[in-house]
Amino acid sequence: MNNNRPVNLDLTTIKFPITAIVSILHRVSGVFIFAGVAVLLWMLDSSLSSEEGFAAVQDALASPVCKFIIWAVLAGLAYHLVAGVRHLIMDCGVGESFEGGRLGAKLVLVFAVILIVLAGVWVW
């Protein structure tokens, strides 16, 4: 039996590489989009049910809380899109090296931040 296994796996003390952070955030953003789509579908259903429902959704969309929720879903979608494009590019054989993976992860963060800021400007 090999006794060289790690003794402490406290995730707060482990320093993750940027590629791991980007990968974890990609998965989290996918789950967040899944939950956000449920809220958006509920709002769509309410707005299509009657004129009163449409007016209620329209009033709700003017509130800062609802704008934040819309922005958060768009931010998750933007990040997930950029990270997904990175995976597609890597599937084509580009950026599969260690340095290429790190550069791709940094580019994902840069482009995602730009798109998230643009989504915030568009919502507000």
Protein backbone atom coordinates (compact mmCIF):
# COMPACT_ATOMS: atom_id res chain seq x y z
CA MET A 1 0.00 0.00 0.00
CA ASN A 2 1.29 3.44 -0.91
CA ASN A 3 1.35 5.76 2.14
CA ASN A 4 2.43 8.89 0.21
CA ARG A 5 -1.14 10.05 -0.16
CA PRO A 6 -2.06 13.57 1.02
CA VAL A 7 -3.13 13.81 4.62
CA ASN A 8 -4.93 17.16 4.55
CA LEU A 9 -7.22 18.12 1.69
CA ASP A 10 -8.43 21.41 3.07
CA LEU A 11 -9.56 23.27 -0.06
CA THR A 12 -8.96 26.66 1.57
CA THR A 13 -5.23 25.97 1.85
CA ILE A 14 -4.71 24.59 -1.66
CA LYS A 15 -3.60 27.09 -4.31
CA PHE A 16 -5.50 26.28 -7.48
CA PRO A 17 -3.93 27.04 -10.88
CA ILE A 18 -5.79 29.47 -13.12
CA THR A 19 -6.90 26.64 -15.40
CA ALA A 20 -8.64 24.92 -12.49
CA ILE A 21 -10.35 28.14 -11.42
CA VAL A 22 -11.63 28.75 -14.95
CA SER A 23 -12.87 25.16 -15.18
CA ILE A 24 -14.66 25.31 -11.83
CA LEU A 25 -16.26 28.66 -12.71
CA HIS A 26 -17.41 27.20 -16.03
CA ARG A 27 -19.27 24.45 -14.21
CA VAL A 28 -20.71 26.85 -11.63
CA SER A 29 -21.90 29.24 -14.34
CA GLY A 30 -23.68 26.35 -16.08
CA VAL A 31 -25.59 25.50 -12.90
CA PHE A 32 -26.34 29.20 -12.37
CA ILE A 33 -27.70 29.55 -15.90
CA PHE A 34 -29.91 26.51 -15.35
CA ALA A 35 -31.45 28.12 -12.26
CA GLY A 36 -31.69 31.53 -13.94
CA VAL A 37 -33.58 30.12 -16.92
CA ALA A 38 -36.26 28.90 -14.51
CA VAL A 39 -36.75 32.47 -13.26
CA LEU A 40 -36.78 33.87 -16.79
CA LEU A 41 -39.32 31.27 -17.94
CA TRP A 42 -41.54 32.10 -14.97
CA MET A 43 -41.37 35.78 -15.90
CA LEU A 44 -42.20 34.94 -19.54
CA ASP A 45 -45.16 32.82 -18.46
CA SER A 46 -46.44 35.59 -16.22
CA SER A 47 -46.06 38.21 -18.94
CA LEU A 48 -47.96 36.10 -21.48
CA SER A 49 -50.79 35.09 -19.15
CA SER A 50 -52.69 38.40 -19.19
CA GLU A 51 -52.34 42.14 -19.52
CA GLU A 52 -52.09 42.44 -15.76
CA GLY A 53 -49.32 39.85 -15.69
CA PHE A 54 -47.46 41.73 -18.41
CA ALA A 55 -47.77 44.99 -16.48
CA ALA A 56 -46.58 43.27 -13.29
CA VAL A 57 -43.51 41.85 -15.01
CA GLN A 58 -42.83 45.20 -16.65
CA ASP A 59 -42.97 46.91 -13.24
CA ALA A 60 -40.75 44.23 -11.72
CA LEU A 61 -38.16 44.65 -14.48
CA ALA A 62 -37.80 48.30 -13.51
CA SER A 63 -36.69 47.41 -9.98
CA PRO A 64 -32.97 47.26 -9.14
CA VAL A 65 -33.29 43.76 -7.68
CA CYS A 66 -34.75 42.37 -10.89
CA LYS A 67 -32.17 44.21 -12.98
CA PHE A 68 -29.46 42.62 -10.84
CA ILE A 69 -30.97 39.16 -11.38
CA ILE A 70 -31.12 39.72 -15.15
CA TRP A 71 -27.53 40.99 -15.12
CA ALA A 72 -26.38 38.01 -13.05
CA VAL A 73 -27.95 35.54 -15.48
CA LEU A 74 -26.42 37.39 -18.43
CA ALA A 75 -23.04 37.40 -16.65
CA GLY A 76 -23.23 33.65 -16.13
CA LEU A 77 -24.22 33.17 -19.75
CA ALA A 78 -21.37 35.38 -21.00
CA TYR A 79 -18.79 33.52 -18.92
CA HIS A 80 -20.15 30.13 -19.89
CA LEU A 81 -20.15 31.10 -23.56
CA VAL A 82 -16.54 32.32 -23.54
CA ALA A 83 -15.31 29.28 -21.61
CA GLY A 84 -17.25 27.00 -23.94
CA VAL A 85 -15.63 28.61 -26.98
CA ARG A 86 -12.26 27.98 -25.33
CA HIS A 87 -13.14 24.30 -25.01
CA LEU A 88 -14.20 24.16 -28.67
CA ILE A 89 -10.92 25.75 -29.73
CA MET A 90 -8.99 23.27 -27.60
CA ASP A 91 -10.97 20.42 -29.20
CA CYS A 92 -9.54 21.60 -32.53
CA GLY A 93 -6.02 21.11 -31.11
CA VAL A 94 -5.16 24.74 -30.37
CA GLY A 95 -3.89 25.61 -26.89
CA GLU A 96 -3.50 22.09 -25.55
CA SER A 97 -0.03 22.68 -24.12
CA PHE A 98 0.56 23.80 -20.55
CA GLU A 99 1.33 27.38 -21.55
CA GLY A 100 -1.46 27.40 -24.12
CA GLY A 101 -3.93 26.29 -21.46
CA ARG A 102 -2.82 29.02 -19.09
CA LEU A 103 -3.01 31.67 -21.83
CA GLY A 104 -6.46 30.43 -22.84
CA ALA A 105 -7.67 30.60 -19.24
CA LYS A 106 -6.41 34.17 -18.89
CA LEU A 107 -8.10 35.15 -22.16
CA VAL A 108 -11.36 33.61 -20.95
CA LEU A 109 -11.26 35.79 -17.84
CA VAL A 110 -10.45 38.94 -19.81
CA PHE A 111 -13.14 38.45 -22.46
CA ALA A 112 -15.70 37.36 -19.85
CA VAL A 113 -15.10 40.49 -17.75
CA ILE A 114 -15.52 42.67 -20.85
CA LEU A 115 -18.80 40.96 -21.77
CA ILE A 116 -20.07 41.10 -18.19
CA VAL A 117 -19.40 44.83 -17.98
CA LEU A 118 -21.13 45.35 -21.34
CA ALA A 119 -24.12 43.34 -20.09
CA GLY A 120 -24.28 45.57 -17.02
CA VAL A 121 -24.25 48.68 -19.17
CA TRP A 122 -26.99 47.21 -21.36
CA VAL A 123 -29.25 46.22 -18.42
CA TRP A 124 -28.85 49.52 -16.60
